[in-house]
Amino acid sequence: MAIDKDLIPTMNMKIISGRNLTESDFLKVKSDTIFSFILNQSAIKELGLTAENAVGTKVNLSSRKGQITAVVEDFHFSSLHEKIGPLVLFTAQDSWDLNYTFVRLKPGDFNAALEELKSISTSLLPHRPFEYEFLDQQYQKLFDKEQRMSSVTTLFAGLAIVIACLGLLGLVAYAAAQKTKEIGIRKVLGASSFGIVGLITKSYMRLVLVAIFIGLPAAYWIMDTYWLSSFAYRSTIGVTPLALAALSCIFIALATASFQAVKAAWVDPAKTLRSE
């Protein structure tokens, strides 16, 4: 990538060894066609050099001959699905070597800044339309797939939870209706409402726990094997998200089942026994 001397400070690149480009480097490339190269750590590693001894090394890049003047710290210039590759920055021979202009805007009125940039662009290149993009938005586009997957997963997970809760609510209502006489007798004999709720919900909570023990390992395996493995630089899932998911499942199921069970437990036993 051809650059000028302002790219390094504009992009906040960290120089590990060597120096930034100067005007003399650009004069040298124009007069003697001797280029100055700035390499990232990955490029230095590919060449079998170190950051300390790389500066001053003569290299050839295709038809460009010159020497390494600096080594910059690795940074991501592509998607996190890919490892940081070798990058070579070299002195531009003229302005036509430069394909893009990077501008760091101060916080404030972006519209005014863009209007000023448009005026400058129009005066310098009146035959070219003024086109711009924000760099953070370009990087965001690299992860549109993940954003869409997150939205779709959240939507279908929400639908699955609602459907499961409706089914559980129906099962508990049916079980409570089948145990109407039993509930009335237990309450007459002194059973508490809490005990009645436990009687109705405990069998369903066992099924929820079985589902958790089956679902969590499957979810961990799918996320770790098929999703996180697609990233060159990945984190681990850890225990916390799995524990929170399990607790959420138990809480939602218990709240759903208890809603109908509490209604059945609060019914006056005289009414239920009289109806029987």
Protein backbone atom coordinates (compact mmCIF):
# COMPACT_ATOMS: atom_id res chain seq x y z
CA MET A 1 0.00 0.00 0.00
CA ALA A 2 1.43 3.34 -1.06
CA ILE A 3 1.28 5.98 1.67
CA ASP A 4 2.43 9.46 2.56
CA LYS A 5 4.13 10.57 5.76
CA ASP A 6 0.85 11.46 7.50
CA LEU A 7 -0.80 8.01 7.46
CA ILE A 8 1.06 6.62 10.49
CA PRO A 9 0.08 9.43 12.92
CA THR A 10 -3.42 9.77 11.44
CA MET A 11 -4.20 6.08 12.01
CA ASN A 12 -2.42 6.04 15.40
CA MET A 13 -0.12 3.21 14.29
CA LYS A 14 2.48 2.28 16.88
CA ILE A 15 6.05 2.26 15.57
CA ILE A 16 8.02 -0.47 17.34
CA SER A 17 11.40 0.35 15.81
CA GLY A 18 12.69 2.79 13.25
CA ARG A 19 11.10 6.08 12.22
CA ASN A 20 8.20 7.46 10.26
CA LEU A 21 8.60 8.58 6.66
CA THR A 22 9.99 12.04 5.98
CA GLU A 23 10.16 14.38 3.00
CA SER A 24 13.62 13.05 2.16
CA ASP A 25 12.16 9.58 1.63
CA PHE A 26 9.76 10.93 -0.97
CA LEU A 27 12.49 12.98 -2.66
CA LYS A 28 14.64 9.84 -2.84
CA VAL A 29 11.90 7.78 -4.51
CA LYS A 30 11.24 10.53 -7.06
CA SER A 31 14.89 11.13 -7.93
CA ASP A 32 16.53 7.71 -7.51
CA THR A 33 13.51 5.36 -7.39
CA ILE A 34 14.67 4.12 -3.97
CA PHE A 35 11.68 3.25 -1.85
CA SER A 36 11.29 3.30 1.92
CA PHE A 37 9.28 0.45 3.42
CA ILE A 38 7.35 0.22 6.67
CA LEU A 39 6.42 -3.37 7.59
CA ASN A 40 4.16 -4.80 10.25
CA GLN A 41 5.27 -7.50 12.67
CA SER A 42 3.72 -10.30 10.59
CA ALA A 43 5.69 -9.23 7.51
CA ILE A 44 8.92 -9.07 9.52
CA LYS A 45 8.26 -12.57 10.85
CA GLU A 46 7.68 -13.90 7.31
CA LEU A 47 11.06 -12.49 6.28
CA GLY A 48 12.76 -14.20 9.22
CA LEU A 49 13.79 -10.89 10.78
CA THR A 50 13.18 -9.24 14.11
CA ALA A 51 11.92 -5.75 14.82
CA GLU A 52 15.35 -4.80 16.16
CA ASN A 53 17.48 -5.86 13.18
CA ALA A 54 14.95 -5.25 10.39
CA VAL A 55 15.45 -1.48 10.16
CA GLY A 56 17.98 -0.71 7.43
CA THR A 57 17.60 -4.08 5.70
CA LYS A 58 17.51 -3.79 1.93
CA VAL A 59 14.50 -5.47 0.31
CA ASN A 60 12.87 -5.77 -3.09
CA LEU A 61 9.11 -5.59 -3.47
CA SER A 62 8.29 -6.63 -7.02
CA SER A 63 9.99 -3.92 -9.08
CA ARG A 64 10.48 -1.63 -6.09
CA LYS A 65 13.91 -1.56 -4.45
CA GLY A 66 14.72 0.07 -1.15
CA GLN A 67 15.15 -0.54 2.57
CA ILE A 68 13.05 -0.97 5.68
CA THR A 69 12.77 2.23 7.67
CA ALA A 70 10.33 1.14 10.40
CA VAL A 71 8.34 -1.71 11.91
CA VAL A 72 4.77 -1.07 13.12
CA GLU A 73 2.75 -3.11 15.57
CA ASP A 74 0.28 -5.57 14.03
CA PHE A 75 -3.27 -4.24 13.66
CA HIS A 76 -6.43 -5.64 12.12
CA PHE A 77 -7.00 -4.45 8.56
CA SER A 78 -9.45 -7.21 7.64
CA SER A 79 -12.14 -9.32 9.32
CA LEU A 80 -11.40 -11.05 12.62
CA HIS A 81 -12.16 -14.29 10.79
CA GLU A 82 -8.68 -13.92 9.26
CA LYS A 83 -5.28 -13.79 10.89
CA ILE A 84 -3.31 -10.57 10.64
CA GLY A 85 -1.27 -10.97 7.47
CA PRO A 86 1.93 -9.34 6.25
CA LEU A 87 1.55 -5.66 5.39
CA VAL A 88 4.04 -3.49 3.55
CA LEU A 89 3.62 0.29 3.40
CA PHE A 90 5.87 2.12 0.95
CA THR A 91 6.54 5.68 -0.17
CA ALA A 92 4.24 6.90 -2.92
CA GLN A 93 6.02 8.19 -6.02
CA ASP A 94 3.28 10.71 -6.73
CA SER A 95 -0.28 11.53 -5.70
CA TRP A 96 -1.70 9.09 -8.27
CA ASP A 97 -0.32 6.19 -6.22
CA LEU A 98 -2.66 7.14 -3.39
CA ASN A 99 -6.12 5.64 -3.81
CA TYR A 100 -7.74 6.96 -0.63
CA THR A 101 -7.46 9.90 1.72
CA PHE A 102 -7.93 9.18 5.42
CA VAL A 103 -9.15 12.08 7.53
CA ARG A 104 -9.49 12.00 11.31
CA LEU A 105 -12.35 14.28 12.34
CA LYS A 106 -12.49 16.04 15.66
CA PRO A 107 -15.59 15.41 17.78
CA GLY A 108 -18.26 17.96 16.99
CA ASP A 109 -20.16 19.05 13.92
CA PHE A 110 -19.45 16.30 11.37
CA ASN A 111 -21.69 17.92 8.77
CA ALA A 112 -19.65 21.11 8.73
CA ALA A 113 -16.43 19.11 8.47
CA LEU A 114 -17.83 17.06 5.58
CA GLU A 115 -18.91 20.21 3.76
CA GLU A 116 -15.40 21.61 4.11
CA LEU A 117 -13.87 18.37 2.82
CA LYS A 118 -16.28 18.40 -0.11
CA SER A 119 -15.23 21.95 -0.97
CA ILE A 120 -11.54 20.95 -0.89
CA SER A 121 -12.19 17.84 -3.00
CA THR A 122 -14.18 19.81 -5.58
CA SER A 123 -11.44 22.41 -5.93
CA LEU A 124 -8.69 19.80 -6.33
CA LEU A 125 -10.59 17.21 -8.37
CA PRO A 126 -13.58 18.93 -9.99
CA HIS A 127 -14.10 15.99 -12.39
CA ARG A 128 -14.50 13.48 -9.54
CA PRO A 129 -17.60 13.14 -7.30
CA PHE A 130 -17.02 13.56 -3.58
CA GLU A 131 -17.48 10.11 -2.02
CA TYR A 132 -16.74 9.19 1.57
CA GLU A 133 -17.24 6.41 4.11
CA PHE A 134 -16.66 6.20 7.83
CA LEU A 135 -14.00 3.65 8.70
CA ASP A 136 -15.87 2.28 11.71
CA GLN A 137 -18.86 1.59 9.46
CA GLN A 138 -16.64 -0.23 6.96
CA TYR A 139 -15.35 -2.47 9.73
CA GLN A 140 -18.90 -2.99 10.92
CA LYS A 141 -19.82 -4.33 7.47
CA LEU A 142 -17.24 -7.09 7.95
CA PHE A 143 -19.45 -8.50 10.69
CA ASP A 144 -22.88 -8.05 9.13
CA LYS A 145 -23.21 -11.83 8.99
CA GLU A 146 -22.74 -12.11 12.75
CA GLN A 147 -25.21 -9.28 13.36
CA ARG A 148 -27.85 -10.95 11.19
CA MET A 149 -27.24 -14.30 12.84
CA SER A 150 -27.61 -12.67 16.27
CA SER A 151 -30.93 -11.07 15.29
CA VAL A 152 -32.33 -14.26 13.74
CA THR A 153 -31.17 -16.39 16.69
CA THR A 154 -32.71 -13.97 19.19
CA LEU A 155 -36.00 -13.93 17.27
CA PHE A 156 -36.33 -17.70 17.00
CA ALA A 157 -35.14 -18.25 20.56
CA GLY A 158 -37.83 -15.86 21.75
CA LEU A 159 -40.49 -17.68 19.71
CA ALA A 160 -39.28 -21.04 21.05
CA ILE A 161 -39.49 -19.77 24.63
CA VAL A 162 -43.02 -18.41 24.13
CA ILE A 163 -44.24 -21.66 22.52
CA ALA A 164 -42.59 -23.77 25.23
CA CYS A 165 -44.13 -21.62 27.97
CA LEU A 166 -47.59 -21.91 26.41
CA GLY A 167 -47.20 -25.70 26.24
CA LEU A 168 -45.99 -25.88 29.83
CA LEU A 169 -48.85 -23.66 30.96
CA GLY A 170 -51.33 -25.98 29.25
CA LEU A 171 -49.78 -29.09 30.80
CA VAL A 172 -49.84 -27.62 34.30
CA ALA A 173 -53.44 -26.47 33.83
CA TYR A 174 -54.41 -29.96 32.72
CA ALA A 175 -52.56 -31.55 35.64
CA ALA A 176 -54.22 -29.17 38.10
CA ALA A 177 -57.64 -29.99 36.66
CA GLN A 178 -56.94 -33.72 37.02
CA LYS A 179 -55.88 -33.24 40.65
CA THR A 180 -58.77 -30.98 41.70
CA LYS A 181 -60.16 -33.41 44.29
CA GLU A 182 -56.71 -34.37 45.55
CA ILE A 183 -55.76 -30.71 46.00
CA GLY A 184 -58.97 -30.05 47.93
CA ILE A 185 -58.40 -33.03 50.27
CA ARG A 186 -54.76 -32.07 50.87
CA LYS A 187 -55.76 -28.51 51.77
CA VAL A 188 -58.43 -29.77 54.18
CA LEU A 189 -55.81 -31.99 55.81
CA GLY A 190 -53.54 -28.94 56.30
CA ALA A 191 -51.34 -28.87 53.23
CA SER A 192 -49.90 -25.41 52.48
CA SER A 193 -50.32 -23.60 49.18
CA PHE A 194 -46.55 -23.83 48.69
CA GLY A 195 -46.71 -27.60 49.07
CA ILE A 196 -49.56 -27.81 46.54
CA VAL A 197 -47.57 -25.75 44.03
CA GLY A 198 -44.55 -28.04 44.54
CA LEU A 199 -46.76 -31.11 44.04
CA ILE A 200 -48.00 -29.86 40.68
CA THR A 201 -44.74 -28.42 39.31
CA LYS A 202 -42.05 -30.86 40.50
CA SER A 203 -42.56 -33.42 37.73
CA TYR A 204 -42.28 -30.74 35.05
CA MET A 205 -39.21 -29.20 36.64
CA ARG A 206 -37.48 -32.58 36.39
CA LEU A 207 -38.10 -32.52 32.64
CA VAL A 208 -36.70 -28.98 32.46
CA LEU A 209 -33.52 -30.10 34.25
CA VAL A 210 -33.16 -33.06 31.86
CA ALA A 211 -33.55 -30.65 28.92
CA ILE A 212 -30.88 -28.37 30.39
CA PHE A 213 -28.40 -31.23 30.80
CA ILE A 214 -29.00 -32.21 27.17
CA GLY A 215 -29.17 -28.71 25.69
CA LEU A 216 -26.20 -27.00 27.35
CA PRO A 217 -23.50 -29.44 26.14
CA ALA A 218 -25.04 -29.39 22.65
CA ALA A 219 -25.12 -25.57 22.60
CA TYR A 220 -21.52 -25.38 23.87
CA TRP A 221 -20.31 -27.84 21.25
CA ILE A 222 -22.07 -26.05 18.38
CA MET A 223 -20.84 -22.59 19.42
CA ASP A 224 -17.28 -23.70 20.09
CA THR A 225 -16.90 -26.01 17.07
CA TYR A 226 -18.90 -24.29 14.34
CA TRP A 227 -18.98 -20.61 15.27
CA LEU A 228 -16.00 -19.52 17.34
CA SER A 229 -13.65 -21.74 15.36
CA SER A 230 -14.31 -19.56 12.28
CA PHE A 231 -12.48 -16.65 13.97
CA ALA A 232 -8.71 -16.45 13.84
CA TYR A 233 -8.69 -14.63 17.18
CA ARG A 234 -11.33 -16.14 19.42
CA SER A 235 -12.43 -16.07 23.01
CA THR A 236 -13.73 -18.96 25.08
CA ILE A 237 -17.38 -19.32 26.02
CA GLY A 238 -16.72 -19.91 29.70
CA VAL A 239 -19.04 -21.20 32.40
CA THR A 240 -20.88 -17.95 33.17
CA PRO A 241 -23.08 -17.76 30.00
CA LEU A 242 -24.02 -21.43 30.36
CA ALA A 243 -24.88 -21.02 34.04
CA LEU A 244 -26.97 -17.93 33.29
CA ALA A 245 -28.79 -19.77 30.49
CA ALA A 246 -29.58 -22.69 32.82
CA LEU A 247 -30.80 -20.41 35.59
CA SER A 248 -32.93 -18.45 33.10
CA CYS A 249 -34.54 -21.66 31.84
CA ILE A 250 -35.33 -22.79 35.39
CA PHE A 251 -36.72 -19.38 36.36
CA ILE A 252 -38.92 -19.03 33.25
CA ALA A 253 -40.24 -22.59 33.55
CA LEU A 254 -40.86 -22.25 37.29
CA ALA A 255 -42.62 -18.90 36.85
CA THR A 256 -44.80 -20.30 34.05
CA ALA A 257 -45.72 -23.48 35.92
CA SER A 258 -46.25 -21.72 39.22
CA PHE A 259 -48.69 -19.24 37.68
CA GLN A 260 -51.26 -21.94 37.00
CA ALA A 261 -50.34 -24.01 40.05
CA VAL A 262 -50.87 -21.08 42.42
CA LYS A 263 -54.32 -20.47 40.94
CA ALA A 264 -55.22 -24.10 41.61
CA ALA A 265 -53.78 -24.00 45.15
CA TRP A 266 -55.77 -20.89 46.10
CA VAL A 267 -59.15 -22.38 45.17
CA ASP A 268 -61.43 -22.89 48.16
CA PRO A 269 -61.36 -26.66 48.89
CA ALA A 270 -65.06 -26.57 49.87
CA LYS A 271 -65.95 -25.63 46.31
CA THR A 272 -63.81 -28.30 44.72
CA LEU A 273 -65.04 -31.07 47.01
CA ARG A 274 -68.66 -29.98 46.60
CA SER A 275 -68.29 -30.13 42.79
CA GLU A 276 -66.90 -33.65 43.06
